[in-house]
Amino acid sequence: MDYTNMIEKWGIDPPRLYALGFPHNNCGGRCVRQGMKEWLRLKQFFPERFTQVRDWELEQRAKGGARANRSILKDRKGGTAKPLTLEKLEQDNSDTQIDMFATQGDSYGCFCEY
């Protein structure tokens, strides 16, 4: 049974994150394995959640050592992966609006389970 048939048959409303275009409903939209687009979606719809994770990431980097150059995201432009902080993502995309109906990949569960 596919997702839409299940909703109709059971008469339930899907979780609101799906209605907002999030590809899964786990982690409250804060999956550390999601990409840039999903972090921007989180910032658009739940800015307080985005800010909480952004600030946590900055605190971890400020501790120095191995954490100093770590980030949740990676910039893979040019064929090399470089750390990309949520703060930098936010700065570079301050005027970006996400299409709430554009999703990619899994729309049933989190791929972190695998």
N, C-alpha and C. Protein backbone atom coordinates (compact mmCIF):
# COMPACT_ATOMS: atom_id res chain seq x y z
N MET A 1 0.85 -1.17 0.00
CA MET A 1 0.00 0.00 0.00
C MET A 1 0.90 1.24 0.00
N ASP A 2 0.63 2.17 -0.92
CA ASP A 2 1.46 3.37 -0.93
C ASP A 2 0.94 4.40 0.07
N TYR A 3 1.74 5.40 0.29
CA TYR A 3 1.49 6.42 1.30
C TYR A 3 0.13 7.11 1.15
N THR A 4 -0.22 7.57 -0.06
CA THR A 4 -1.49 8.28 -0.25
C THR A 4 -2.68 7.36 -0.05
N ASN A 5 -2.60 6.12 -0.51
CA ASN A 5 -3.69 5.17 -0.28
C ASN A 5 -3.86 4.88 1.21
N MET A 6 -2.75 4.79 1.92
CA MET A 6 -2.81 4.52 3.35
C MET A 6 -3.52 5.68 4.08
N ILE A 7 -3.22 6.89 3.71
CA ILE A 7 -3.87 8.05 4.33
C ILE A 7 -5.37 8.02 4.08
N GLU A 8 -5.75 7.77 2.83
CA GLU A 8 -7.17 7.72 2.49
C GLU A 8 -7.87 6.55 3.21
N LYS A 9 -7.26 5.39 3.19
CA LYS A 9 -7.88 4.21 3.79
C LYS A 9 -8.02 4.36 5.30
N TRP A 10 -6.99 4.88 5.96
CA TRP A 10 -7.02 5.00 7.40
C TRP A 10 -7.71 6.29 7.87
N GLY A 11 -7.89 7.24 6.94
CA GLY A 11 -8.55 8.49 7.30
C GLY A 11 -7.75 9.35 8.25
N ILE A 12 -6.44 9.35 8.07
CA ILE A 12 -5.58 10.16 8.95
C ILE A 12 -4.95 11.30 8.17
N ASP A 13 -4.60 12.34 8.87
CA ASP A 13 -3.86 13.43 8.26
C ASP A 13 -2.38 13.14 8.41
N PRO A 14 -1.60 13.37 7.35
CA PRO A 14 -0.16 13.16 7.48
C PRO A 14 0.44 14.20 8.42
N PRO A 15 1.58 13.91 9.00
CA PRO A 15 2.25 14.89 9.85
C PRO A 15 2.50 16.19 9.08
N ARG A 16 2.46 17.31 9.77
CA ARG A 16 2.54 18.61 9.10
C ARG A 16 3.86 18.85 8.37
N LEU A 17 4.94 18.19 8.79
CA LEU A 17 6.20 18.39 8.08
C LEU A 17 6.08 17.95 6.63
N TYR A 18 5.33 16.88 6.37
CA TYR A 18 5.12 16.45 4.99
C TYR A 18 4.36 17.51 4.21
N ALA A 19 3.36 18.12 4.81
CA ALA A 19 2.58 19.17 4.15
C ALA A 19 3.44 20.39 3.83
N LEU A 20 4.51 20.59 4.59
CA LEU A 20 5.42 21.71 4.36
C LEU A 20 6.54 21.36 3.39
N GLY A 21 6.54 20.12 2.89
CA GLY A 21 7.52 19.71 1.90
C GLY A 21 8.74 18.99 2.43
N PHE A 22 8.80 18.74 3.73
CA PHE A 22 9.93 18.01 4.28
C PHE A 22 9.87 16.57 3.78
N PRO A 23 11.01 15.96 3.45
CA PRO A 23 11.00 14.61 2.90
C PRO A 23 10.76 13.52 3.95
N HIS A 24 10.90 13.85 5.24
CA HIS A 24 10.61 12.88 6.30
C HIS A 24 10.17 13.63 7.54
N ASN A 25 9.63 12.91 8.50
CA ASN A 25 9.03 13.53 9.67
C ASN A 25 9.84 13.28 10.95
N ASN A 26 10.97 12.68 10.83
CA ASN A 26 11.78 12.41 12.01
C ASN A 26 12.64 13.63 12.35
N CYS A 27 13.07 13.72 13.55
CA CYS A 27 14.01 14.75 14.01
C CYS A 27 13.43 16.17 13.98
N GLY A 28 12.15 16.32 13.80
CA GLY A 28 11.54 17.64 13.76
C GLY A 28 12.09 18.52 12.65
N GLY A 29 12.58 17.89 11.58
CA GLY A 29 13.16 18.64 10.47
C GLY A 29 14.61 19.02 10.69
N ARG A 30 15.25 18.48 11.72
CA ARG A 30 16.64 18.83 12.06
C ARG A 30 17.60 17.67 11.85
N CYS A 31 17.41 16.90 10.82
CA CYS A 31 18.29 15.76 10.60
C CYS A 31 19.69 16.24 10.21
N VAL A 32 20.70 15.78 10.91
CA VAL A 32 22.06 16.21 10.63
C VAL A 32 22.59 15.64 9.32
N ARG A 33 21.84 14.73 8.70
CA ARG A 33 22.28 14.17 7.42
C ARG A 33 21.58 14.78 6.22
N GLN A 34 20.69 15.75 6.47
CA GLN A 34 19.98 16.36 5.35
C GLN A 34 20.87 17.40 4.67
N GLY A 35 20.45 17.80 3.50
CA GLY A 35 21.24 18.74 2.71
C GLY A 35 20.86 20.20 2.93
N MET A 36 21.52 21.04 2.16
CA MET A 36 21.33 22.49 2.29
C MET A 36 19.88 22.91 2.12
N LYS A 37 19.23 22.37 1.11
CA LYS A 37 17.86 22.77 0.82
C LYS A 37 16.94 22.50 2.02
N GLU A 38 17.13 21.38 2.67
CA GLU A 38 16.28 21.04 3.81
C GLU A 38 16.59 21.91 5.02
N TRP A 39 17.86 22.31 5.19
CA TRP A 39 18.18 23.24 6.28
C TRP A 39 17.55 24.61 6.01
N LEU A 40 17.54 25.02 4.75
CA LEU A 40 16.90 26.29 4.40
C LEU A 40 15.38 26.18 4.59
N ARG A 41 14.82 25.03 4.28
CA ARG A 41 13.38 24.81 4.52
C ARG A 41 13.09 24.92 6.02
N LEU A 42 13.95 24.32 6.84
CA LEU A 42 13.77 24.40 8.28
C LEU A 42 13.82 25.85 8.75
N LYS A 43 14.78 26.61 8.23
CA LYS A 43 14.90 28.03 8.60
C LYS A 43 13.65 28.80 8.21
N GLN A 44 13.09 28.48 7.08
CA GLN A 44 11.91 29.19 6.60
C GLN A 44 10.69 28.90 7.47
N PHE A 45 10.45 27.63 7.81
CA PHE A 45 9.24 27.26 8.51
C PHE A 45 9.38 27.18 10.02
N PHE A 46 10.59 26.87 10.49
CA PHE A 46 10.83 26.75 11.92
C PHE A 46 12.15 27.44 12.26
N PRO A 47 12.20 28.76 12.16
CA PRO A 47 13.47 29.47 12.37
C PRO A 47 14.08 29.24 13.74
N GLU A 48 13.26 29.01 14.75
CA GLU A 48 13.80 28.77 16.09
C GLU A 48 14.55 27.45 16.15
N ARG A 49 14.10 26.45 15.43
CA ARG A 49 14.81 25.16 15.38
C ARG A 49 16.13 25.32 14.64
N PHE A 50 16.09 26.03 13.53
CA PHE A 50 17.31 26.28 12.76
C PHE A 50 18.32 27.01 13.64
N THR A 51 17.88 28.07 14.31
CA THR A 51 18.77 28.88 15.15
C THR A 51 19.38 28.04 16.26
N GLN A 52 18.59 27.16 16.85
CA GLN A 52 19.10 26.31 17.93
C GLN A 52 20.25 25.43 17.43
N VAL A 53 20.09 24.80 16.29
CA VAL A 53 21.14 23.92 15.77
C VAL A 53 22.33 24.74 15.28
N ARG A 54 22.06 25.88 14.61
CA ARG A 54 23.15 26.76 14.15
C ARG A 54 24.02 27.19 15.33
N ASP A 55 23.38 27.63 16.41
CA ASP A 55 24.13 28.08 17.58
C ASP A 55 24.90 26.94 18.24
N TRP A 56 24.28 25.76 18.28
CA TRP A 56 24.98 24.60 18.84
C TRP A 56 26.23 24.29 18.02
N GLU A 57 26.09 24.32 16.70
CA GLU A 57 27.22 24.05 15.82
C GLU A 57 28.36 25.05 16.08
N LEU A 58 28.01 26.33 16.21
CA LEU A 58 29.02 27.36 16.48
C LEU A 58 29.70 27.14 17.83
N GLU A 59 28.93 26.75 18.83
CA GLU A 59 29.50 26.46 20.16
C GLU A 59 30.48 25.30 20.09
N GLN A 60 30.14 24.27 19.33
CA GLN A 60 31.04 23.13 19.21
C GLN A 60 32.34 23.51 18.52
N ARG A 61 32.25 24.32 17.47
CA ARG A 61 33.44 24.76 16.75
C ARG A 61 34.32 25.64 17.64
N ALA A 62 33.70 26.44 18.49
CA ALA A 62 34.44 27.35 19.37
C ALA A 62 35.25 26.60 20.43
N LYS A 63 34.91 25.36 20.69
CA LYS A 63 35.64 24.55 21.67
C LYS A 63 37.03 24.19 21.18
N GLY A 64 37.24 24.34 19.87
CA GLY A 64 38.56 24.08 19.31
C GLY A 64 38.85 22.60 19.13
N GLY A 65 40.11 22.31 18.94
CA GLY A 65 40.53 20.93 18.73
C GLY A 65 39.93 20.38 17.45
N ALA A 66 39.58 19.11 17.50
CA ALA A 66 39.03 18.43 16.33
C ALA A 66 37.70 19.03 15.89
N ARG A 67 36.99 19.68 16.79
CA ARG A 67 35.69 20.27 16.46
C ARG A 67 35.80 21.57 15.69
N ALA A 68 36.92 22.22 15.75
CA ALA A 68 37.07 23.57 15.19
C ALA A 68 36.73 23.66 13.71
N ASN A 69 37.03 22.62 12.97
CA ASN A 69 36.79 22.65 11.53
C ASN A 69 35.67 21.72 11.09
N ARG A 70 34.85 21.28 12.02
CA ARG A 70 33.72 20.41 11.69
C ARG A 70 32.48 21.25 11.46
N SER A 71 31.60 20.74 10.62
CA SER A 71 30.32 21.39 10.39
C SER A 71 29.30 20.32 10.03
N ILE A 72 28.04 20.68 10.15
CA ILE A 72 26.98 19.74 9.81
C ILE A 72 26.95 19.52 8.30
N LEU A 73 27.11 20.60 7.55
CA LEU A 73 27.07 20.52 6.09
C LEU A 73 28.46 20.53 5.49
N LYS A 74 28.51 20.15 4.23
CA LYS A 74 29.76 20.24 3.46
C LYS A 74 29.45 20.94 2.14
N ASP A 75 30.37 21.79 1.73
CA ASP A 75 30.29 22.42 0.41
C ASP A 75 31.14 21.56 -0.50
N ARG A 76 30.52 20.98 -1.51
CA ARG A 76 31.22 20.04 -2.40
C ARG A 76 31.52 20.65 -3.76
N LYS A 77 31.42 21.96 -3.88
CA LYS A 77 31.71 22.61 -5.16
C LYS A 77 33.18 22.43 -5.50
N GLY A 78 33.44 22.23 -6.76
CA GLY A 78 34.82 22.08 -7.20
C GLY A 78 35.40 20.70 -6.93
N GLY A 79 34.58 19.77 -6.49
CA GLY A 79 35.05 18.40 -6.30
C GLY A 79 35.71 18.12 -4.97
N THR A 80 35.84 19.12 -4.11
CA THR A 80 36.40 18.89 -2.78
C THR A 80 35.39 19.27 -1.73
N ALA A 81 35.30 18.46 -0.70
CA ALA A 81 34.36 18.73 0.39
C ALA A 81 35.03 19.63 1.42
N LYS A 82 34.37 20.78 1.68
CA LYS A 82 34.84 21.71 2.70
C LYS A 82 33.72 21.94 3.69
N PRO A 83 34.06 22.18 4.96
CA PRO A 83 33.01 22.45 5.94
C PRO A 83 32.16 23.66 5.53
N LEU A 84 30.86 23.54 5.74
CA LEU A 84 29.92 24.64 5.49
C LEU A 84 29.03 24.75 6.71
N THR A 85 29.21 25.80 7.47
CA THR A 85 28.41 25.96 8.69
C THR A 85 27.00 26.43 8.34
N LEU A 86 26.09 26.17 9.24
CA LEU A 86 24.73 26.66 9.07
C LEU A 86 24.70 28.18 9.07
N GLU A 87 25.61 28.79 9.82
CA GLU A 87 25.72 30.25 9.82
C GLU A 87 26.06 30.77 8.43
N LYS A 88 27.02 30.15 7.77
CA LYS A 88 27.41 30.55 6.42
C LYS A 88 26.28 30.28 5.42
N LEU A 89 25.63 29.13 5.55
CA LEU A 89 24.49 28.82 4.69
C LEU A 89 23.42 29.89 4.83
N GLU A 90 23.16 30.29 6.05
CA GLU A 90 22.16 31.32 6.32
C GLU A 90 22.56 32.66 5.69
N GLN A 91 23.81 33.04 5.85
CA GLN A 91 24.30 34.29 5.27
C GLN A 91 24.22 34.28 3.75
N ASP A 92 24.62 33.18 3.15
CA ASP A 92 24.64 33.09 1.68
C ASP A 92 23.26 32.99 1.06
N ASN A 93 22.26 32.65 1.86
CA ASN A 93 20.91 32.42 1.34
C ASN A 93 19.87 33.24 2.09
N SER A 94 20.24 34.43 2.50
CA SER A 94 19.34 35.24 3.33
C SER A 94 18.04 35.59 2.62
N ASP A 95 18.03 35.58 1.30
CA ASP A 95 16.82 35.94 0.56
C ASP A 95 16.18 34.74 -0.14
N THR A 96 16.60 33.53 0.17
CA THR A 96 16.10 32.33 -0.49
C THR A 96 14.77 31.89 0.11
N GLN A 97 13.81 31.61 -0.75
CA GLN A 97 12.55 31.01 -0.33
C GLN A 97 12.49 29.61 -0.94
N ILE A 98 12.05 28.65 -0.16
CA ILE A 98 11.98 27.26 -0.59
C ILE A 98 10.59 26.95 -1.11
N ASP A 99 10.53 26.23 -2.21
CA ASP A 99 9.25 25.74 -2.72
C ASP A 99 8.79 24.63 -1.79
N MET A 100 7.72 24.89 -1.06
CA MET A 100 7.31 23.94 -0.03
C MET A 100 6.81 22.61 -0.58
N PHE A 101 6.54 22.53 -1.87
CA PHE A 101 6.06 21.27 -2.43
C PHE A 101 7.15 20.50 -3.15
N ALA A 102 8.34 21.06 -3.23
CA ALA A 102 9.44 20.37 -3.91
C ALA A 102 10.18 19.50 -2.90
N THR A 103 10.09 18.21 -3.07
CA THR A 103 10.81 17.29 -2.19
C THR A 103 11.60 16.31 -3.05
N GLN A 104 12.57 15.72 -2.43
CA GLN A 104 13.35 14.69 -3.09
C GLN A 104 13.50 13.52 -2.15
N GLY A 105 13.62 12.37 -2.73
CA GLY A 105 13.96 11.20 -1.92
C GLY A 105 12.81 10.68 -1.08
N ASP A 106 13.16 10.17 0.05
CA ASP A 106 12.27 9.46 0.95
C ASP A 106 11.18 10.37 1.50
N SER A 107 9.95 9.89 1.48
CA SER A 107 8.88 10.67 2.11
C SER A 107 8.11 9.82 3.11
N TYR A 108 8.76 8.83 3.67
CA TYR A 108 8.10 7.96 4.63
C TYR A 108 8.86 7.84 5.94
N GLY A 109 10.14 7.80 5.89
CA GLY A 109 10.93 7.62 7.11
C GLY A 109 12.31 8.20 6.92
N CYS A 110 13.05 8.22 7.97
CA CYS A 110 14.37 8.83 7.93
C CYS A 110 15.41 7.82 7.43
N PHE A 111 16.28 8.26 6.55
CA PHE A 111 17.31 7.36 6.03
C PHE A 111 18.40 7.09 7.07
N CYS A 112 18.37 7.80 8.22
CA CYS A 112 19.33 7.53 9.28
C CYS A 112 19.13 6.15 9.87
N GLU A 113 17.95 5.58 9.67
CA GLU A 113 17.65 4.27 10.22
C GLU A 113 18.50 3.17 9.59
N TYR A 114 19.03 3.42 8.42
CA TYR A 114 19.71 2.36 7.66
C TYR A 114 21.17 2.34 7.86
